[in-house]
Amino acid sequence: DIRGVTLFANVAAFAARVTRKSTTTRPPIKVDSNFTCEYDADGYFPDTKYCHIYHYCGIGVHTILQCADNLWFSPISEECEWPEKAKCRAAGHFYTSSSIPTNLVDGSETTHSSQLNIVYPPIPCPTNVQGHFSDPYDCSAFHYCNGGVDKPGFCEPGLFWDKKLGCQWPKDVPNCEYKCPPNGESLRFVAPHSCCHYYECVNGHRKEKVCPLHKLFSVETKSCEHFQVVNCGARKNCIDS
């Protein structure tokens, strides 16, 4: 049976490739993803929502895989890499690179955009300039201005925005520090060192706080959410799930 031989070959190849990646991946998992394999797809493909998730597609085979902690899938090398080497555009966000691409999109699709505008307040954008700007208070956020319209975006949790290099490790963006607005507005910031912790502006002063039991701080909502729905990114996961 030619089909049987072909499928066996693909499964064998898949097993061999997964074995080769075993030092950087976890076992197959279930994840909330809208990714589907094309009919004739064969190989590894990045997820559309998560940087640390990727997919193997073969004839009659679709397996969801997950990189080890703090690693992301690179569509170029088809391996799990450190975030600064993996060029991730999951969910329309450019999370890491050595340069800023001209086609960077940040929160411009679906209802996620309106949520971003609330969680990440927009900045006044010049009408005659198109480009990316740092957030005046939040080191992990950035803004894409085009025609006077601002589209806020954010780095993968645990990374800081650099106006020249994009999202980088905090140690590589030494000049950025979270700031609280002088008007006493209550803002929350991601704590790069821990998924359980966050910073909050209280009366103009930044204070470190801890999420309740079984909850982690979400970069998307800037609130403590159930640990199963929070992407810790480069932050230390302090809950053993």
C-alpha atoms as a PDB file:
ATOM      1  CA  ASP A   1       0.000   0.000   0.000  1.00  0.00           C
ATOM      2  CA  ILE A   2       1.757   3.150  -1.231  1.00  0.00           C
ATOM      3  CA  ARG A   3      -0.194   5.382   1.137  1.00  0.00           C
ATOM      4  CA  GLY A   4       0.801   3.226   4.086  1.00  0.00           C
ATOM      5  CA  VAL A   5       4.462   3.352   3.115  1.00  0.00           C
ATOM      6  CA  THR A   6       4.305   7.117   2.620  1.00  0.00           C
ATOM      7  CA  LEU A   7       2.634   7.723   5.956  1.00  0.00           C
ATOM      8  CA  PHE A   8       5.097   5.414   7.706  1.00  0.00           C
ATOM      9  CA  ALA A   9       7.975   7.284   6.115  1.00  0.00           C
ATOM     10  CA  ASN A  10       6.557  10.588   7.285  1.00  0.00           C
ATOM     11  CA  VAL A  11       5.964   9.302  10.798  1.00  0.00           C
ATOM     12  CA  ALA A  12       9.485   7.870  10.901  1.00  0.00           C
ATOM     13  CA  ALA A  13      10.909  11.150   9.667  1.00  0.00           C
ATOM     14  CA  PHE A  14       8.814  13.020  12.224  1.00  0.00           C
ATOM     15  CA  ALA A  15      10.060  10.773  15.033  1.00  0.00           C
ATOM     16  CA  ALA A  16      13.650  11.286  13.937  1.00  0.00           C
ATOM     17  CA  ARG A  17      13.265  15.064  13.798  1.00  0.00           C
ATOM     18  CA  VAL A  18      11.537  15.235  17.169  1.00  0.00           C
ATOM     19  CA  THR A  19      14.346  13.121  18.621  1.00  0.00           C
ATOM     20  CA  ARG A  20      16.832  15.577  17.179  1.00  0.00           C
ATOM     21  CA  LYS A  21      14.965  18.423  18.894  1.00  0.00           C
ATOM     22  CA  SER A  22      14.452  16.628  22.193  1.00  0.00           C
ATOM     23  CA  THR A  23      16.977  18.794  24.037  1.00  0.00           C
ATOM     24  CA  THR A  24      14.921  21.928  23.450  1.00  0.00           C
ATOM     25  CA  THR A  25      11.289  20.791  23.347  1.00  0.00           C
ATOM     26  CA  ARG A  26       8.592  19.420  25.578  1.00  0.00           C
ATOM     27  CA  PRO A  27       6.246  16.543  24.618  1.00  0.00           C
ATOM     28  CA  PRO A  28       3.282  17.252  22.293  1.00  0.00           C
ATOM     29  CA  ILE A  29       0.599  19.344  23.997  1.00  0.00           C
ATOM     30  CA  LYS A  30      -2.863  20.784  23.517  1.00  0.00           C
ATOM     31  CA  VAL A  31      -3.067  24.535  23.065  1.00  0.00           C
ATOM     32  CA  ASP A  32      -5.655  27.129  22.101  1.00  0.00           C
ATOM     33  CA  SER A  33      -4.448  27.778  18.562  1.00  0.00           C
ATOM     34  CA  ASN A  34      -6.152  28.460  15.244  1.00  0.00           C
ATOM     35  CA  PHE A  35      -3.291  26.933  13.252  1.00  0.00           C
ATOM     36  CA  THR A  36      -4.240  24.316  10.648  1.00  0.00           C
ATOM     37  CA  CYS A  37      -1.972  22.271   8.401  1.00  0.00           C
ATOM     38  CA  GLU A  38      -2.267  22.786   4.667  1.00  0.00           C
ATOM     39  CA  TYR A  39      -3.234  19.690   2.687  1.00  0.00           C
ATOM     40  CA  ASP A  40       0.246  19.114   1.252  1.00  0.00           C
ATOM     41  CA  ALA A  41       2.291  20.626   4.115  1.00  0.00           C
ATOM     42  CA  ASP A  42       5.336  18.701   5.313  1.00  0.00           C
ATOM     43  CA  GLY A  43       7.651  20.062   7.997  1.00  0.00           C
ATOM     44  CA  TYR A  44       7.732  22.373  11.001  1.00  0.00           C
ATOM     45  CA  PHE A  45       5.727  25.607  11.111  1.00  0.00           C
ATOM     46  CA  PRO A  46       5.439  28.466  13.668  1.00  0.00           C
ATOM     47  CA  ASP A  47       2.226  29.006  15.595  1.00  0.00           C
ATOM     48  CA  THR A  48       0.114  32.045  14.759  1.00  0.00           C
ATOM     49  CA  LYS A  49      -0.432  33.067  18.405  1.00  0.00           C
ATOM     50  CA  TYR A  50       2.489  31.871  20.528  1.00  0.00           C
ATOM     51  CA  CYS A  51       6.234  32.221  20.005  1.00  0.00           C
ATOM     52  CA  HIS A  52       7.085  29.089  22.011  1.00  0.00           C
ATOM     53  CA  ILE A  53       4.605  26.818  20.160  1.00  0.00           C
ATOM     54  CA  TYR A  54       5.198  25.210  16.766  1.00  0.00           C
ATOM     55  CA  HIS A  55       3.608  22.516  14.622  1.00  0.00           C
ATOM     56  CA  TYR A  56       4.678  19.476  12.663  1.00  0.00           C
ATOM     57  CA  CYS A  57       2.596  18.830   9.552  1.00  0.00           C
ATOM     58  CA  GLY A  58       2.789  15.655   7.483  1.00  0.00           C
ATOM     59  CA  ILE A  59       0.428  13.480   5.475  1.00  0.00           C
ATOM     60  CA  GLY A  60      -2.375  12.821   7.926  1.00  0.00           C
ATOM     61  CA  VAL A  61      -0.259  14.108  10.822  1.00  0.00           C
ATOM     62  CA  HIS A  62      -0.549  17.316  12.859  1.00  0.00           C
ATOM     63  CA  THR A  63       1.407  17.458  16.105  1.00  0.00           C
ATOM     64  CA  ILE A  64       1.661  20.510  18.377  1.00  0.00           C
ATOM     65  CA  LEU A  65       5.038  20.977  20.049  1.00  0.00           C
ATOM     66  CA  GLN A  66       6.356  23.369  22.675  1.00  0.00           C
ATOM     67  CA  CYS A  67       9.850  24.753  23.195  1.00  0.00           C
ATOM     68  CA  ALA A  68      11.503  24.462  26.590  1.00  0.00           C
ATOM     69  CA  ASP A  69      11.271  27.343  29.061  1.00  0.00           C
ATOM     70  CA  ASN A  70      12.397  30.746  27.718  1.00  0.00           C
ATOM     71  CA  LEU A  71      12.999  29.437  24.175  1.00  0.00           C
ATOM     72  CA  TRP A  72      11.074  30.324  21.016  1.00  0.00           C
ATOM     73  CA  PHE A  73      10.646  28.502  17.733  1.00  0.00           C
ATOM     74  CA  SER A  74      12.653  29.902  14.834  1.00  0.00           C
ATOM     75  CA  PRO A  75      11.030  29.354  11.408  1.00  0.00           C
ATOM     76  CA  ILE A  76      14.431  29.892   9.797  1.00  0.00           C
ATOM     77  CA  SER A  77      16.432  27.213  11.629  1.00  0.00           C
ATOM     78  CA  GLU A  78      13.361  25.118  12.540  1.00  0.00           C
ATOM     79  CA  GLU A  79      14.816  24.863  16.040  1.00  0.00           C
ATOM     80  CA  CYS A  80      14.010  26.341  19.439  1.00  0.00           C
ATOM     81  CA  GLU A  81      16.268  29.365  19.914  1.00  0.00           C
ATOM     82  CA  TRP A  82      16.885  32.103  22.439  1.00  0.00           C
ATOM     83  CA  PRO A  83      14.378  34.955  21.906  1.00  0.00           C
ATOM     84  CA  GLU A  84      16.983  37.341  20.503  1.00  0.00           C
ATOM     85  CA  LYS A  85      17.720  34.872  17.689  1.00  0.00           C
ATOM     86  CA  ALA A  86      14.171  33.743  16.912  1.00  0.00           C
ATOM     87  CA  LYS A  87      12.228  36.093  14.653  1.00  0.00           C
ATOM     88  CA  CYS A  88       8.734  35.665  16.051  1.00  0.00           C
ATOM     89  CA  ARG A  89       5.707  37.377  14.556  1.00  0.00           C
ATOM     90  CA  ALA A  90       3.065  35.423  16.452  1.00  0.00           C
ATOM     91  CA  ALA A  91      -0.302  37.155  16.855  1.00  0.00           C
ATOM     92  CA  GLY A  92       0.920  39.961  14.588  1.00  0.00           C
ATOM     93  CA  HIS A  93       3.540  41.182  17.055  1.00  0.00           C
ATOM     94  CA  PHE A  94       7.212  41.439  16.221  1.00  0.00           C
ATOM     95  CA  TYR A  95       8.827  40.247  19.432  1.00  0.00           C
ATOM     96  CA  THR A  96      12.545  40.038  18.741  1.00  0.00           C
ATOM     97  CA  SER A  97      15.192  40.781  16.132  1.00  0.00           C
ATOM     98  CA  SER A  98      18.469  42.536  15.597  1.00  0.00           C
ATOM     99  CA  SER A  99      16.686  45.167  13.506  1.00  0.00           C
ATOM    100  CA  ILE A 100      13.227  46.720  13.225  1.00  0.00           C
ATOM    101  CA  PRO A 101      11.365  45.637  10.065  1.00  0.00           C
ATOM    102  CA  THR A 102       9.251  48.072   8.086  1.00  0.00           C
ATOM    103  CA  ASN A 103       6.257  45.720   8.155  1.00  0.00           C
ATOM    104  CA  LEU A 104       6.014  45.526  11.942  1.00  0.00           C
ATOM    105  CA  VAL A 105       2.386  45.204  13.033  1.00  0.00           C
ATOM    106  CA  ASP A 106       1.295  45.635  16.623  1.00  0.00           C
ATOM    107  CA  GLY A 107      -2.248  45.112  17.757  1.00  0.00           C
ATOM    108  CA  SER A 108      -3.907  46.136  14.496  1.00  0.00           C
ATOM    109  CA  GLU A 109      -6.222  43.135  14.179  1.00  0.00           C
ATOM    110  CA  THR A 110      -9.490  42.004  15.815  1.00  0.00           C
ATOM    111  CA  THR A 111     -10.663  43.097  19.264  1.00  0.00           C
ATOM    112  CA  HIS A 112      -7.147  42.629  20.650  1.00  0.00           C
ATOM    113  CA  SER A 113      -6.378  46.107  19.285  1.00  0.00           C
ATOM    114  CA  SER A 114      -9.084  47.817  21.335  1.00  0.00           C
ATOM    115  CA  GLN A 115      -7.900  45.959  24.424  1.00  0.00           C
ATOM    116  CA  LEU A 116      -4.349  47.164  23.815  1.00  0.00           C
ATOM    117  CA  ASN A 117      -5.480  50.779  23.553  1.00  0.00           C
ATOM    118  CA  ILE A 118      -7.003  50.486  27.025  1.00  0.00           C
ATOM    119  CA  VAL A 119      -4.195  48.561  28.724  1.00  0.00           C
ATOM    120  CA  TYR A 120      -1.457  50.481  26.898  1.00  0.00           C
ATOM    121  CA  PRO A 121      -2.588  54.133  26.671  1.00  0.00           C
ATOM    122  CA  PRO A 122      -1.786  55.726  23.292  1.00  0.00           C
ATOM    123  CA  ILE A 123       0.645  58.590  22.864  1.00  0.00           C
ATOM    124  CA  PRO A 124       0.198  61.772  20.794  1.00  0.00           C
ATOM    125  CA  CYS A 125       1.492  60.881  17.334  1.00  0.00           C
ATOM    126  CA  PRO A 126       2.855  63.453  14.880  1.00  0.00           C
ATOM    127  CA  THR A 127       0.754  63.586  11.711  1.00  0.00           C
ATOM    128  CA  ASN A 128       3.708  63.709   9.334  1.00  0.00           C
ATOM    129  CA  VAL A 129       5.811  60.852  10.778  1.00  0.00           C
ATOM    130  CA  GLN A 130       5.533  57.087  10.359  1.00  0.00           C
ATOM    131  CA  GLY A 131       7.538  54.868  12.684  1.00  0.00           C
ATOM    132  CA  HIS A 132       7.983  53.334  16.100  1.00  0.00           C
ATOM    133  CA  PHE A 133       8.336  55.191  19.375  1.00  0.00           C
ATOM    134  CA  SER A 134       9.135  54.203  22.953  1.00  0.00           C
ATOM    135  CA  ASP A 135       6.475  54.438  25.645  1.00  0.00           C
ATOM    136  CA  PRO A 136       7.123  57.313  28.084  1.00  0.00           C
ATOM    137  CA  TYR A 137       6.437  55.115  31.128  1.00  0.00           C
ATOM    138  CA  ASP A 138       6.483  51.413  30.222  1.00  0.00           C
ATOM    139  CA  CYS A 139       9.798  49.875  29.095  1.00  0.00           C
ATOM    140  CA  SER A 140       8.057  46.815  27.644  1.00  0.00           C
ATOM    141  CA  ALA A 141       5.693  48.811  25.408  1.00  0.00           C
ATOM    142  CA  PHE A 142       6.135  50.662  22.128  1.00  0.00           C
ATOM    143  CA  HIS A 143       3.970  52.629  19.714  1.00  0.00           C
ATOM    144  CA  TYR A 144       3.564  52.569  15.943  1.00  0.00           C
ATOM    145  CA  CYS A 145       2.549  55.986  14.642  1.00  0.00           C
ATOM    146  CA  ASN A 146       1.120  56.445  11.150  1.00  0.00           C
ATOM    147  CA  GLY A 147      -0.775  59.525  10.006  1.00  0.00           C
ATOM    148  CA  GLY A 148      -1.267  60.745  13.545  1.00  0.00           C
ATOM    149  CA  VAL A 149      -2.781  57.426  14.663  1.00  0.00           C
ATOM    150  CA  ASP A 150      -1.120  55.373  17.404  1.00  0.00           C
ATOM    151  CA  LYS A 151      -1.230  51.572  17.615  1.00  0.00           C
ATOM    152  CA  PRO A 152       0.285  50.461  20.933  1.00  0.00           C
ATOM    153  CA  GLY A 153       2.207  47.207  21.111  1.00  0.00           C
ATOM    154  CA  PHE A 154       4.258  45.282  23.639  1.00  0.00           C
ATOM    155  CA  CYS A 155       7.280  43.016  23.781  1.00  0.00           C
ATOM    156  CA  GLU A 156       7.227  39.372  24.759  1.00  0.00           C
ATOM    157  CA  PRO A 157       6.871  39.289  28.567  1.00  0.00           C
ATOM    158  CA  GLY A 158      10.215  39.944  30.243  1.00  0.00           C
ATOM    159  CA  LEU A 159      11.762  41.949  27.395  1.00  0.00           C
ATOM    160  CA  PHE A 160      12.252  45.711  27.011  1.00  0.00           C
ATOM    161  CA  TRP A 161      11.785  47.837  23.915  1.00  0.00           C
ATOM    162  CA  ASP A 162      14.830  49.461  22.314  1.00  0.00           C
ATOM    163  CA  LYS A 163      14.152  52.087  19.650  1.00  0.00           C
ATOM    164  CA  LYS A 164      17.022  50.839  17.486  1.00  0.00           C
ATOM    165  CA  LEU A 165      17.041  47.070  18.071  1.00  0.00           C
ATOM    166  CA  GLY A 166      13.441  46.235  18.981  1.00  0.00           C
ATOM    167  CA  CYS A 167      12.655  43.940  21.918  1.00  0.00           C
ATOM    168  CA  GLN A 168      15.746  43.017  23.926  1.00  0.00           C
ATOM    169  CA  TRP A 169      16.764  41.629  27.307  1.00  0.00           C
ATOM    170  CA  PRO A 170      16.430  44.311  30.029  1.00  0.00           C
ATOM    171  CA  LYS A 171      20.188  44.239  30.652  1.00  0.00           C
ATOM    172  CA  ASP A 172      20.685  45.313  27.035  1.00  0.00           C
ATOM    173  CA  VAL A 173      18.399  48.342  27.467  1.00  0.00           C
ATOM    174  CA  PRO A 174      20.088  49.918  30.524  1.00  0.00           C
ATOM    175  CA  ASN A 175      18.733  53.416  29.934  1.00  0.00           C
ATOM    176  CA  CYS A 176      15.085  52.408  30.314  1.00  0.00           C
ATOM    177  CA  GLU A 177      13.367  52.425  33.684  1.00  0.00           C
ATOM    178  CA  TYR A 178       9.673  52.184  34.496  1.00  0.00           C
ATOM    179  CA  LYS A 179       8.259  55.608  35.371  1.00  0.00           C
ATOM    180  CA  CYS A 180       5.038  56.584  37.102  1.00  0.00           C
ATOM    181  CA  PRO A 181       3.000  59.459  35.609  1.00  0.00           C
ATOM    182  CA  PRO A 182       3.235  62.730  37.559  1.00  0.00           C
ATOM    183  CA  ASN A 183      -0.574  63.018  37.623  1.00  0.00           C
ATOM    184  CA  GLY A 184      -0.868  60.005  39.934  1.00  0.00           C
ATOM    185  CA  GLU A 185      -2.413  57.747  37.284  1.00  0.00           C
ATOM    186  CA  SER A 186      -2.373  54.089  38.349  1.00  0.00           C
ATOM    187  CA  LEU A 187      -0.307  52.096  35.848  1.00  0.00           C
ATOM    188  CA  ARG A 188       0.921  48.511  36.024  1.00  0.00           C
ATOM    189  CA  PHE A 189       4.163  47.133  34.609  1.00  0.00           C
ATOM    190  CA  VAL A 190       5.547  43.673  33.939  1.00  0.00           C
ATOM    191  CA  ALA A 191       8.242  42.494  36.363  1.00  0.00           C
ATOM    192  CA  PRO A 192      10.947  41.042  34.062  1.00  0.00           C
ATOM    193  CA  HIS A 193      12.305  38.704  36.743  1.00  0.00           C
ATOM    194  CA  SER A 194       9.103  36.926  37.780  1.00  0.00           C
ATOM    195  CA  CYS A 195       5.740  35.909  36.344  1.00  0.00           C
ATOM    196  CA  CYS A 196       4.148  36.190  39.809  1.00  0.00           C
ATOM    197  CA  HIS A 197       5.219  39.761  40.434  1.00  0.00           C
ATOM    198  CA  TYR A 198       4.340  43.090  38.866  1.00  0.00           C
ATOM    199  CA  TYR A 199       4.823  46.801  39.498  1.00  0.00           C
ATOM    200  CA  GLU A 200       2.039  49.276  40.181  1.00  0.00           C
ATOM    201  CA  CYS A 201       2.075  53.038  40.428  1.00  0.00           C
ATOM    202  CA  VAL A 202       0.546  54.174  43.719  1.00  0.00           C
ATOM    203  CA  ASN A 203       0.357  57.944  44.291  1.00  0.00           C
ATOM    204  CA  GLY A 204       3.152  58.466  41.788  1.00  0.00           C
ATOM    205  CA  HIS A 205       5.463  55.838  43.293  1.00  0.00           C
ATOM    206  CA  ARG A 206       6.271  52.429  41.819  1.00  0.00           C
ATOM    207  CA  LYS A 207       5.652  49.481  44.144  1.00  0.00           C
ATOM    208  CA  GLU A 208       6.296  45.794  43.560  1.00  0.00           C
ATOM    209  CA  LYS A 209       3.316  43.520  44.186  1.00  0.00           C
ATOM    210  CA  VAL A 210       2.567  39.790  44.079  1.00  0.00           C
ATOM    211  CA  CYS A 211      -0.340  38.037  42.369  1.00  0.00           C
ATOM    212  CA  PRO A 212      -2.705  35.879  44.479  1.00  0.00           C
ATOM    213  CA  LEU A 213      -2.271  32.111  44.692  1.00  0.00           C
ATOM    214  CA  HIS A 214      -2.519  30.234  41.369  1.00  0.00           C
ATOM    215  CA  LYS A 215      -2.398  33.463  39.384  1.00  0.00           C
ATOM    216  CA  LEU A 216       0.275  35.075  37.200  1.00  0.00           C
ATOM    217  CA  PHE A 217       0.638  38.554  35.735  1.00  0.00           C
ATOM    218  CA  SER A 218      -0.567  38.833  32.142  1.00  0.00           C
ATOM    219  CA  VAL A 219       1.151  41.236  29.759  1.00  0.00           C
ATOM    220  CA  GLU A 220      -1.997  41.342  27.609  1.00  0.00           C
ATOM    221  CA  THR A 221      -4.417  42.443  30.345  1.00  0.00           C
ATOM    222  CA  LYS A 222      -1.929  43.813  32.882  1.00  0.00           C
ATOM    223  CA  SER A 223      -3.831  41.893  35.535  1.00  0.00           C
ATOM    224  CA  CYS A 224      -3.309  38.732  37.551  1.00  0.00           C
ATOM    225  CA  GLU A 225      -4.933  35.878  35.615  1.00  0.00           C
ATOM    226  CA  HIS A 226      -5.179  32.120  36.132  1.00  0.00           C
ATOM    227  CA  PHE A 227      -1.754  30.568  35.509  1.00  0.00           C
ATOM    228  CA  GLN A 228      -3.034  28.311  32.715  1.00  0.00           C
ATOM    229  CA  VAL A 229      -3.852  31.257  30.437  1.00  0.00           C
ATOM    230  CA  VAL A 230      -0.766  33.407  31.056  1.00  0.00           C
ATOM    231  CA  ASN A 231       2.288  33.420  28.796  1.00  0.00           C
ATOM    232  CA  CYS A 232       5.305  34.036  31.039  1.00  0.00           C
ATOM    233  CA  GLY A 233       7.650  34.543  28.095  1.00  0.00           C
ATOM    234  CA  ALA A 234      11.179  35.225  29.321  1.00  0.00           C
ATOM    235  CA  ARG A 235      10.037  35.659  32.937  1.00  0.00           C
ATOM    236  CA  LYS A 236      10.580  33.001  35.593  1.00  0.00           C
ATOM    237  CA  ASN A 237       7.455  30.900  36.063  1.00  0.00           C
ATOM    238  CA  CYS A 238       6.943  30.669  39.820  1.00  0.00           C
ATOM    239  CA  ILE A 239       4.061  28.183  39.604  1.00  0.00           C
ATOM    240  CA  ASP A 240       4.734  24.514  38.904  1.00  0.00           C
ATOM    241  CA  SER A 241       1.950  23.628  36.482  1.00  0.00           C
END
